[in-house]
Amino acid sequence: MIRLRQMLSRMPRPLLHKIPLRKLVNWLHLWLGVALCLPFMLQGLTGSILVYGDQLDRLFGTVPQARTIGDMQSPATILAAGQKALPSGLSANRLTMPAVPGDTAILRANGKSRAEAQQVYLDPVSLQVLAMRGTQDGWLRFVHNLHANLLLEGRPGRVIIGWLGTVLLTMTVSGFYLWWPRNGKWRQAITIKRGAKGYRLQRDLHGMAGFWTLPLLLLMTVSGLSMCFPQTIGDGIRTILPGRDLREAVTTTKVAVPPGMPRIPLERAIALAQPAAPGRSFAVAYLPLKPEQPWRVAFARPGEGTDLPPVTVLVDPYRGNLIEVQDPATYTAGEGLLVWLRPLHYGLAAGPLYQALICLTGLSLPLFAVTGLTMWWLKRRAKQRSRQPGPSRNSTTTPGAPRAAARRGNAAPVLSRRDQSDQAEEGAIHGHRH
């Protein structure tokens, strides 16, 4: 430590100031991007596909559609039909009602392992079983698992994705710092120069895309982190914006089991909870798998399903009283922010335009990777060529020529700092072709 201080004391003070923060940030931004460009491209592409996952499912017919015209059967009747179709050893734990005409009712059932879980697709009018498949089957589920946990089982994959998101957040912030126009030329910083090519084109594309996608990219990254590290992000947000942990409230609530008292049926639980959600219709029921678990029923606005935060009601399965009502209209700022992060992440929160913008933001990650790698490769190739022996630039220049040219009025025009930088880059890259 003493030796380091002696070395620093001998260095000229101006030299110490020649190690700027910008250079360090640029180095960090570059090598994180080079090292992790492929995972970032993968995240962007799979995320953009998932934004339109439901529409793609309908387009390719991978999810069955209900065709029977008529009045929908009651939730209890649909539940009974689905349970009858389940293989032995599986326990139904969630019933999802159709959100729009043509959708099926879906009964999910768990087995001893995740691989055994099944989903039964039923026509809500005829009660016909249209399909039964594993919850992990299908191309869209493959894309989702690739995006969410890199196809790894359990928690490790989600943690890796979380740390990858942390790096992406670091690169987003550092990229904004490096993009900031120090010369005040904002128009050049957010557009592509006419006729730009080579290094200049790649840099303009990289910077322009970064500027226009910055707000949504930050939103996608933070919302993704909230799903990878829900407790950590939730605790952090609640430190600033007070509120309850709503996830814990619905998953850990238990009721006292009175001996000999039967559990109330699903229809009764829905009828008791409905007054707590005026203007909404029954959407999802989470079935109690243990005696001490309450009925959990969710109500949504027509056509929404559970894409947006529903009204969730916990009902005592023996006494019939309401244990808790979670209504988005009564959430605190912290609670509301946390429940909206998921629909915001998947482009479900604000209509088709927002959905398209989220899709384009995901596609910007491959663009950043390609343009960033191209700039790095062009610089690297230019440095390699500059080390090759070649004719000296001064060997073909007549002494005094610059001064003579200036006297004849042929002096070079004065270039801006950015144009000088571009000219230097292009010269380094193309100057050794011949």
Protein backbone atom coordinates (compact mmCIF):
# COMPACT_ATOMS: atom_id res chain seq x y z
CA MET A 1 0.00 0.00 0.00
CA ILE A 2 2.87 2.36 0.87
CA ARG A 3 4.63 1.50 -2.39
CA LEU A 4 1.42 2.25 -4.34
CA ARG A 5 1.15 5.64 -2.68
CA GLN A 6 4.80 6.39 -3.53
CA MET A 7 4.20 5.49 -7.17
CA LEU A 8 1.12 7.69 -7.36
CA SER A 9 2.96 10.57 -5.70
CA ARG A 10 5.69 10.42 -8.40
CA MET A 11 3.14 10.57 -11.24
CA PRO A 12 2.45 13.99 -12.72
CA ARG A 13 -0.84 15.28 -11.38
CA PRO A 14 -2.27 15.98 -14.86
CA LEU A 15 -1.68 12.30 -15.73
CA LEU A 16 -3.95 11.19 -12.89
CA HIS A 17 -6.74 13.24 -14.40
CA LYS A 18 -6.25 11.52 -17.77
CA ILE A 19 -7.93 8.35 -16.45
CA PRO A 20 -11.55 9.51 -16.91
CA LEU A 21 -14.67 7.82 -15.69
CA ARG A 22 -15.98 7.75 -19.24
CA LYS A 23 -13.14 5.50 -20.37
CA LEU A 24 -13.83 3.03 -17.56
CA VAL A 25 -17.58 3.02 -18.30
CA ASN A 26 -16.88 2.52 -22.01
CA TRP A 27 -14.61 -0.44 -21.26
CA LEU A 28 -17.20 -2.01 -18.96
CA HIS A 29 -20.03 -1.46 -21.47
CA LEU A 30 -18.00 -2.93 -24.33
CA TRP A 31 -16.80 -6.13 -22.70
CA LEU A 32 -20.05 -6.94 -20.93
CA GLY A 33 -21.77 -6.61 -24.29
CA VAL A 34 -19.21 -8.75 -26.13
CA ALA A 35 -19.29 -11.47 -23.46
CA LEU A 36 -23.09 -11.63 -23.13
CA CYS A 37 -24.33 -10.67 -26.59
CA LEU A 38 -25.80 -14.11 -27.33
CA PRO A 39 -27.86 -14.38 -24.10
CA PHE A 40 -29.12 -10.83 -24.64
CA MET A 41 -30.16 -11.64 -28.22
CA LEU A 42 -31.93 -14.77 -26.98
CA GLN A 43 -33.79 -12.84 -24.29
CA GLY A 44 -34.89 -10.17 -26.73
CA LEU A 45 -36.13 -12.58 -29.40
CA THR A 46 -37.98 -14.92 -27.03
CA GLY A 47 -39.52 -11.99 -25.16
CA SER A 48 -40.83 -10.48 -28.38
CA ILE A 49 -42.42 -13.81 -29.32
CA LEU A 50 -44.09 -14.14 -25.92
CA VAL A 51 -45.65 -10.68 -26.25
CA TYR A 52 -47.86 -12.13 -29.02
CA GLY A 53 -48.00 -15.65 -27.57
CA ASP A 54 -51.79 -15.90 -27.32
CA GLN A 55 -52.29 -14.55 -30.84
CA LEU A 56 -49.69 -16.98 -32.23
CA ASP A 57 -51.36 -19.87 -30.42
CA ARG A 58 -54.66 -19.02 -32.08
CA LEU A 59 -53.02 -18.41 -35.46
CA PHE A 60 -51.27 -21.79 -35.58
CA GLY A 61 -54.09 -23.66 -33.87
CA THR A 62 -51.89 -25.01 -31.08
CA VAL A 63 -54.61 -24.31 -28.51
CA PRO A 64 -58.08 -25.78 -29.18
CA GLN A 65 -61.00 -23.45 -29.71
CA ALA A 66 -64.54 -23.95 -28.41
CA ARG A 67 -67.03 -24.14 -31.31
CA THR A 68 -70.34 -24.98 -29.62
CA ILE A 69 -72.88 -22.13 -29.59
CA GLY A 70 -75.10 -21.74 -26.53
CA ASP A 71 -75.13 -20.83 -22.86
CA MET A 72 -72.02 -21.54 -20.85
CA GLN A 73 -72.25 -24.24 -18.18
CA SER A 74 -71.76 -23.32 -14.53
CA PRO A 75 -68.19 -23.35 -13.12
CA ALA A 76 -69.05 -26.27 -10.83
CA THR A 77 -70.34 -28.34 -13.78
CA ILE A 78 -67.22 -27.55 -15.84
CA LEU A 79 -65.03 -28.43 -12.86
CA ALA A 80 -66.76 -31.79 -12.39
CA ALA A 81 -66.39 -32.62 -16.12
CA GLY A 82 -62.71 -31.78 -16.05
CA GLN A 83 -62.04 -33.75 -12.89
CA LYS A 84 -63.77 -36.76 -14.42
CA ALA A 85 -61.35 -36.64 -17.37
CA LEU A 86 -58.20 -36.44 -15.23
CA PRO A 87 -55.95 -39.49 -14.90
CA SER A 88 -55.69 -41.00 -11.45
CA GLY A 89 -53.05 -39.49 -9.20
CA LEU A 90 -53.61 -35.90 -10.34
CA SER A 91 -55.29 -33.23 -8.20
CA ALA A 92 -57.10 -30.29 -9.80
CA ASN A 93 -55.85 -26.99 -8.41
CA ARG A 94 -57.01 -24.26 -10.80
CA LEU A 95 -60.03 -23.63 -13.01
CA THR A 96 -59.81 -20.84 -15.59
CA MET A 97 -62.97 -19.68 -17.32
CA PRO A 98 -63.05 -18.41 -20.94
CA ALA A 99 -62.18 -14.72 -21.26
CA VAL A 100 -63.73 -14.24 -24.71
CA PRO A 101 -66.08 -16.29 -26.91
CA GLY A 102 -64.23 -19.16 -28.54
CA ASP A 103 -61.85 -19.69 -25.63
CA THR A 104 -61.94 -22.94 -23.73
CA ALA A 105 -62.25 -23.53 -20.01
CA ILE A 106 -58.96 -24.88 -18.65
CA LEU A 107 -58.56 -27.14 -15.63
CA ARG A 108 -55.01 -27.50 -14.36
CA ALA A 109 -54.01 -30.49 -12.24
CA ASN A 110 -50.76 -31.22 -10.41
CA GLY A 111 -49.01 -34.52 -9.96
CA LYS A 112 -46.02 -35.60 -7.92
CA SER A 113 -43.65 -33.64 -10.17
CA ARG A 114 -43.81 -30.69 -12.50
CA ALA A 115 -43.52 -32.98 -15.51
CA GLU A 116 -46.74 -34.80 -14.52
CA ALA A 117 -48.91 -31.64 -14.38
CA GLN A 118 -51.71 -31.63 -16.95
CA GLN A 119 -54.18 -29.17 -18.43
CA VAL A 120 -57.63 -30.20 -19.60
CA TYR A 121 -59.24 -28.00 -22.28
CA LEU A 122 -63.04 -28.15 -22.20
CA ASP A 123 -65.78 -26.68 -24.35
CA PRO A 124 -67.66 -24.52 -21.80
CA VAL A 125 -71.00 -25.20 -23.51
CA SER A 126 -70.92 -28.89 -24.46
CA LEU A 127 -68.40 -29.93 -21.76
CA GLN A 128 -66.50 -31.88 -24.42
CA VAL A 129 -62.85 -32.51 -23.58
CA LEU A 130 -61.06 -30.91 -26.54
CA ALA A 131 -57.50 -31.67 -25.49
CA MET A 132 -55.36 -32.78 -22.59
CA ARG A 133 -51.67 -31.98 -22.50
CA GLY A 134 -48.81 -31.46 -20.10
CA THR A 135 -48.31 -27.96 -18.75
CA GLN A 136 -44.77 -28.04 -20.19
CA ASP A 137 -45.81 -29.20 -23.66
CA GLY A 138 -45.97 -27.04 -26.79
CA TRP A 139 -43.60 -24.73 -28.59
CA LEU A 140 -44.77 -21.62 -26.76
CA ARG A 141 -44.08 -23.19 -23.37
CA PHE A 142 -40.59 -24.07 -24.68
CA VAL A 143 -40.04 -20.43 -25.63
CA HIS A 144 -41.34 -19.28 -22.23
CA ASN A 145 -39.05 -21.66 -20.32
CA LEU A 146 -36.11 -20.58 -22.45
CA HIS A 147 -36.87 -16.93 -21.72
CA ALA A 148 -37.62 -17.39 -18.01
CA ASN A 149 -35.11 -19.99 -16.83
CA LEU A 150 -32.92 -21.12 -19.76
CA LEU A 151 -34.71 -24.51 -19.73
CA LEU A 152 -33.21 -25.31 -16.32
CA GLU A 153 -35.31 -27.00 -13.66
CA GLY A 154 -36.02 -25.27 -10.38
CA ARG A 155 -34.70 -22.00 -9.06
CA PRO A 156 -31.14 -21.86 -10.57
CA GLY A 157 -32.32 -20.96 -14.07
CA ARG A 158 -34.46 -18.10 -12.80
CA VAL A 159 -31.54 -16.79 -10.73
CA ILE A 160 -29.23 -16.84 -13.78
CA ILE A 161 -31.82 -14.89 -15.77
CA GLY A 162 -32.10 -12.44 -12.86
CA TRP A 163 -28.37 -11.75 -12.83
CA LEU A 164 -28.41 -11.44 -16.62
CA GLY A 165 -31.12 -8.81 -16.18
CA THR A 166 -28.97 -7.03 -13.61
CA VAL A 167 -26.14 -6.85 -16.15
CA LEU A 168 -28.59 -5.59 -18.79
CA LEU A 169 -29.73 -2.86 -16.41
CA THR A 170 -26.08 -1.88 -15.87
CA MET A 171 -25.49 -1.74 -19.62
CA THR A 172 -28.64 0.31 -20.19
CA VAL A 173 -27.55 2.94 -17.67
CA SER A 174 -23.94 2.95 -18.87
CA GLY A 175 -25.06 3.16 -22.49
CA PHE A 176 -27.18 6.22 -21.71
CA TYR A 177 -24.17 7.83 -20.00
CA LEU A 178 -21.93 7.16 -23.01
CA TRP A 179 -24.61 8.33 -25.47
CA TRP A 180 -25.20 11.69 -23.77
CA PRO A 181 -24.17 14.38 -26.29
CA ARG A 182 -21.47 16.45 -24.62
CA ASN A 183 -21.42 19.01 -27.43
CA GLY A 184 -25.15 19.73 -27.16
CA LYS A 185 -25.95 18.39 -30.65
CA TRP A 186 -29.08 16.47 -29.70
CA ARG A 187 -30.42 16.06 -33.21
CA GLN A 188 -27.31 14.21 -34.33
CA ALA A 189 -27.50 12.01 -31.24
CA ILE A 190 -31.03 10.73 -31.90
CA THR A 191 -30.98 10.33 -35.69
CA ILE A 192 -28.93 8.59 -38.37
CA LYS A 193 -26.69 10.80 -40.45
CA ARG A 194 -27.74 10.90 -44.11
CA GLY A 195 -25.40 8.76 -46.18
CA ALA A 196 -23.80 7.21 -43.11
CA LYS A 197 -22.03 3.91 -43.65
CA GLY A 198 -19.48 1.70 -42.00
CA TYR A 199 -18.63 2.53 -38.43
CA ARG A 200 -20.68 5.74 -38.43
CA LEU A 201 -23.84 3.89 -39.50
CA GLN A 202 -23.40 1.25 -36.80
CA ARG A 203 -22.81 3.86 -34.11
CA ASP A 204 -25.80 5.95 -35.15
CA LEU A 205 -28.07 2.89 -35.17
CA HIS A 206 -26.79 1.82 -31.76
CA GLY A 207 -27.25 5.25 -30.19
CA MET A 208 -30.57 6.08 -31.82
CA ALA A 209 -32.14 2.74 -30.84
CA GLY A 210 -30.83 3.16 -27.31
CA PHE A 211 -32.39 6.60 -26.94
CA TRP A 212 -35.83 5.73 -28.29
CA THR A 213 -36.16 2.45 -26.39
CA LEU A 214 -34.61 3.63 -23.11
CA PRO A 215 -37.81 4.10 -21.03
CA LEU A 216 -39.37 0.79 -22.07
CA LEU A 217 -36.06 -1.05 -21.83
CA LEU A 218 -35.66 0.12 -18.24
CA LEU A 219 -39.26 -0.90 -17.52
CA MET A 220 -38.81 -4.35 -19.04
CA THR A 221 -35.57 -4.93 -17.15
CA VAL A 222 -36.90 -3.87 -13.76
CA SER A 223 -40.17 -5.77 -14.22
CA GLY A 224 -38.22 -8.86 -15.26
CA LEU A 225 -36.06 -8.57 -12.16
CA SER A 226 -39.22 -8.40 -10.03
CA MET A 227 -40.20 -11.85 -11.33
CA CYS A 228 -36.72 -13.32 -10.86
CA PHE A 229 -36.19 -11.85 -7.39
CA PRO A 230 -39.76 -11.13 -6.19
CA GLN A 231 -38.93 -10.92 -2.50
CA THR A 232 -35.87 -8.71 -2.93
CA ILE A 233 -37.47 -6.31 -5.42
CA GLY A 234 -40.73 -6.31 -3.46
CA ASP A 235 -39.00 -5.46 -0.19
CA GLY A 236 -37.04 -2.71 -1.94
CA ILE A 237 -40.15 -1.11 -3.44
CA ARG A 238 -42.08 -1.41 -0.18
CA THR A 239 -39.24 0.39 1.60
CA ILE A 240 -39.91 3.43 -0.57
CA LEU A 241 -43.65 2.95 -1.19
CA PRO A 242 -45.23 1.24 1.83
CA GLY A 243 -47.64 -1.62 1.28
CA ARG A 244 -48.34 -5.24 2.14
CA ASP A 245 -46.86 -8.34 0.56
CA LEU A 246 -49.96 -9.42 -1.36
CA ARG A 247 -48.37 -12.63 -2.63
CA GLU A 248 -47.65 -13.81 0.88
CA ALA A 249 -51.18 -12.94 2.02
CA VAL A 250 -52.85 -15.20 -0.56
CA THR A 251 -50.39 -18.10 -0.36
CA THR A 252 -49.91 -18.42 3.40
CA THR A 253 -53.42 -17.75 4.74
CA LYS A 254 -54.83 -20.71 6.68
CA VAL A 255 -58.18 -21.35 8.34
CA ALA A 256 -59.13 -23.39 11.38
CA VAL A 257 -60.66 -26.71 10.36
CA PRO A 258 -63.83 -27.45 12.40
CA PRO A 259 -64.21 -31.19 13.00
CA GLY A 260 -66.98 -32.81 11.01
CA MET A 261 -67.96 -29.70 9.03
CA PRO A 262 -68.05 -30.19 5.22
CA ARG A 263 -66.38 -27.76 2.82
CA ILE A 264 -68.72 -25.42 0.94
CA PRO A 265 -68.87 -26.04 -2.84
CA LEU A 266 -67.32 -23.83 -5.48
CA GLU A 267 -70.66 -22.30 -6.54
CA ARG A 268 -71.30 -21.17 -2.98
CA ALA A 269 -67.81 -19.67 -2.64
CA ILE A 270 -68.28 -17.69 -5.88
CA ALA A 271 -71.71 -16.44 -4.79
CA LEU A 272 -70.32 -15.26 -1.42
CA ALA A 273 -67.35 -13.48 -3.05
CA GLN A 274 -69.18 -11.86 -5.98
CA PRO A 275 -70.53 -8.81 -4.04
CA ALA A 276 -66.92 -7.83 -3.27
CA ALA A 277 -66.23 -7.45 -7.03
CA PRO A 278 -69.09 -5.42 -8.57
CA GLY A 279 -68.92 -5.06 -12.34
CA ARG A 280 -66.65 -8.07 -12.70
CA SER A 281 -67.28 -11.70 -13.57
CA PHE A 282 -65.80 -14.89 -12.21
CA ALA A 283 -62.51 -15.71 -13.98
CA VAL A 284 -60.36 -18.11 -11.96
CA ALA A 285 -60.70 -20.38 -8.95
CA TYR A 286 -57.72 -21.79 -7.05
CA LEU A 287 -58.94 -24.98 -5.44
CA PRO A 288 -57.85 -25.79 -1.88
CA LEU A 289 -55.65 -28.89 -1.84
CA LYS A 290 -55.33 -29.02 1.94
CA PRO A 291 -58.08 -28.81 4.59
CA GLU A 292 -56.72 -25.56 6.05
CA GLN A 293 -56.52 -23.70 2.71
CA PRO A 294 -59.30 -21.21 1.78
CA TRP A 295 -61.11 -20.89 -1.52
CA ARG A 296 -59.34 -18.28 -3.67
CA VAL A 297 -61.52 -16.84 -6.42
CA ALA A 298 -60.64 -14.06 -8.86
CA PHE A 299 -62.96 -11.73 -10.75
CA ALA A 300 -62.05 -9.81 -13.91
CA ARG A 301 -63.65 -7.31 -16.22
CA PRO A 302 -65.28 -8.83 -19.32
CA GLY A 303 -62.70 -9.76 -21.94
CA GLU A 304 -59.67 -9.30 -19.68
CA GLY A 305 -59.32 -12.67 -17.99
CA THR A 306 -56.46 -12.47 -15.54
CA ASP A 307 -54.06 -10.62 -17.88
CA LEU A 308 -54.65 -7.52 -15.75
CA PRO A 309 -54.78 -7.51 -11.93
CA PRO A 310 -58.11 -9.08 -10.86
CA VAL A 311 -60.10 -8.69 -7.67
CA THR A 312 -59.05 -11.65 -5.52
CA VAL A 313 -61.22 -12.89 -2.67
CA LEU A 314 -60.31 -15.48 -0.02
CA VAL A 315 -63.33 -17.37 1.32
CA ASP A 316 -63.39 -19.56 4.42
CA PRO A 317 -64.32 -22.99 2.97
CA TYR A 318 -66.27 -24.03 6.08
CA ARG A 319 -67.90 -20.93 7.56
CA GLY A 320 -68.39 -19.00 4.31
CA ASN A 321 -67.06 -15.66 5.56
CA LEU A 322 -64.72 -13.50 3.49
CA ILE A 323 -61.19 -13.64 4.87
CA GLU A 324 -59.61 -11.06 2.59
CA VAL A 325 -60.45 -8.96 -0.46
CA GLN A 326 -57.63 -7.70 -2.69
CA ASP A 327 -59.02 -5.03 -4.99
CA PRO A 328 -56.62 -3.12 -7.29
CA ALA A 329 -58.77 -0.01 -6.74
CA THR A 330 -57.75 0.05 -3.07
CA TYR A 331 -54.06 -0.82 -3.43
CA THR A 332 -51.39 1.52 -2.13
CA ALA A 333 -48.87 2.92 -4.61
CA GLY A 334 -46.35 0.21 -3.72
CA GLU A 335 -48.89 -2.62 -3.99
CA GLY A 336 -50.23 -1.30 -7.28
CA LEU A 337 -46.76 -0.97 -8.79
CA LEU A 338 -45.83 -4.54 -7.89
CA VAL A 339 -48.99 -6.15 -9.27
CA TRP A 340 -48.75 -4.15 -12.53
CA LEU A 341 -45.12 -5.04 -13.27
CA ARG A 342 -46.00 -8.42 -14.75
CA PRO A 343 -48.64 -7.24 -17.27
CA LEU A 344 -46.36 -4.32 -18.14
CA HIS A 345 -43.52 -6.76 -18.83
CA TYR A 346 -45.59 -8.92 -21.17
CA GLY A 347 -47.17 -6.01 -23.04
CA LEU A 348 -50.66 -6.63 -21.66
CA ALA A 349 -51.23 -3.37 -19.84
CA ALA A 350 -52.22 -0.71 -22.35
CA GLY A 351 -53.63 -2.01 -25.61
CA PRO A 352 -52.23 -2.98 -29.03
CA LEU A 353 -49.91 0.02 -29.45
CA TYR A 354 -48.15 -0.63 -26.14
CA GLN A 355 -47.93 -4.32 -27.03
CA ALA A 356 -46.22 -3.47 -30.32
CA LEU A 357 -43.79 -1.11 -28.59
CA ILE A 358 -42.83 -3.80 -26.07
CA CYS A 359 -42.26 -6.25 -28.93
CA LEU A 360 -40.01 -3.74 -30.73
CA THR A 361 -38.13 -3.03 -27.51
CA GLY A 362 -37.37 -6.74 -27.20
CA LEU A 363 -36.12 -6.80 -30.79
CA SER A 364 -33.80 -3.89 -29.99
CA LEU A 365 -31.58 -6.25 -27.96
CA PRO A 366 -30.44 -8.19 -31.05
CA LEU A 367 -29.93 -4.83 -32.79
CA PHE A 368 -27.71 -3.62 -29.93
CA ALA A 369 -25.75 -6.87 -30.03
CA VAL A 370 -25.19 -6.78 -33.80
CA THR A 371 -24.26 -3.10 -34.03
CA GLY A 372 -22.10 -3.24 -30.90
CA LEU A 373 -20.21 -6.31 -32.12
CA THR A 374 -19.78 -4.76 -35.57
CA MET A 375 -18.29 -1.57 -34.10
CA TRP A 376 -15.94 -3.62 -31.92
CA TRP A 377 -14.88 -5.77 -34.87
CA LEU A 378 -14.26 -2.77 -37.15
CA LYS A 379 -12.10 -1.11 -34.52
CA ARG A 380 -10.20 -4.31 -33.85
CA ARG A 381 -9.55 -4.88 -37.57
CA ALA A 382 -8.39 -1.29 -37.97
CA LYS A 383 -5.91 -1.67 -35.11
CA GLN A 384 -4.53 -4.88 -36.60
CA ARG A 385 -4.06 -3.26 -40.00
CA SER A 386 -2.43 -0.21 -38.49
CA ARG A 387 0.31 -2.47 -37.08
CA GLN A 388 1.15 -3.83 -40.54
CA PRO A 389 4.19 -2.21 -42.24
CA GLY A 390 3.34 0.14 -45.08
CA PRO A 391 4.48 3.30 -46.85
CA SER A 392 4.81 6.35 -44.67
CA ARG A 393 2.15 8.95 -45.16
CA ASN A 394 4.81 11.70 -45.29
CA SER A 395 6.80 9.93 -48.03
CA THR A 396 4.40 11.08 -50.74
CA THR A 397 3.82 14.54 -49.34
CA THR A 398 5.83 17.49 -50.61
CA PRO A 399 7.31 19.57 -47.76
CA GLY A 400 5.40 22.76 -47.32
CA ALA A 401 2.39 21.46 -49.28
CA PRO A 402 -0.13 22.15 -46.51
CA ARG A 403 0.95 25.77 -46.24
CA ALA A 404 0.89 26.15 -50.03
CA ALA A 405 -2.60 24.66 -50.19
CA ALA A 406 -3.78 27.04 -47.50
CA ARG A 407 -2.40 30.01 -49.44
CA ARG A 408 -4.28 28.83 -52.54
CA GLY A 409 -7.52 28.73 -50.55
CA ASN A 410 -7.68 24.92 -50.47
CA ALA A 411 -7.43 24.49 -46.71
CA ALA A 412 -9.48 21.62 -45.23
CA PRO A 413 -12.79 22.64 -43.71
CA VAL A 414 -13.13 22.79 -39.97
CA LEU A 415 -14.92 19.65 -38.69
CA SER A 416 -16.91 19.17 -35.53
CA ARG A 417 -15.55 16.91 -32.81
CA ARG A 418 -17.97 14.14 -33.76
CA ASP A 419 -17.12 14.38 -37.48
CA GLN A 420 -13.39 14.36 -36.64
CA SER A 421 -13.92 11.21 -34.63
CA ASP A 422 -15.89 9.60 -37.44
CA GLN A 423 -13.26 10.59 -40.00
CA ALA A 424 -10.54 9.11 -37.83
CA GLU A 425 -12.44 5.87 -37.40
CA GLU A 426 -13.24 5.56 -41.11
CA GLY A 427 -9.66 6.42 -42.01
CA ALA A 428 -8.30 3.78 -39.68
CA ILE A 429 -10.72 1.21 -41.00
CA HIS A 430 -10.43 1.93 -44.74
CA GLY A 431 -7.01 3.53 -45.05
CA HIS A 432 -5.08 0.27 -45.57
CA ARG A 433 -7.14 -1.33 -48.31
CA HIS A 434 -4.65 -0.49 -51.08
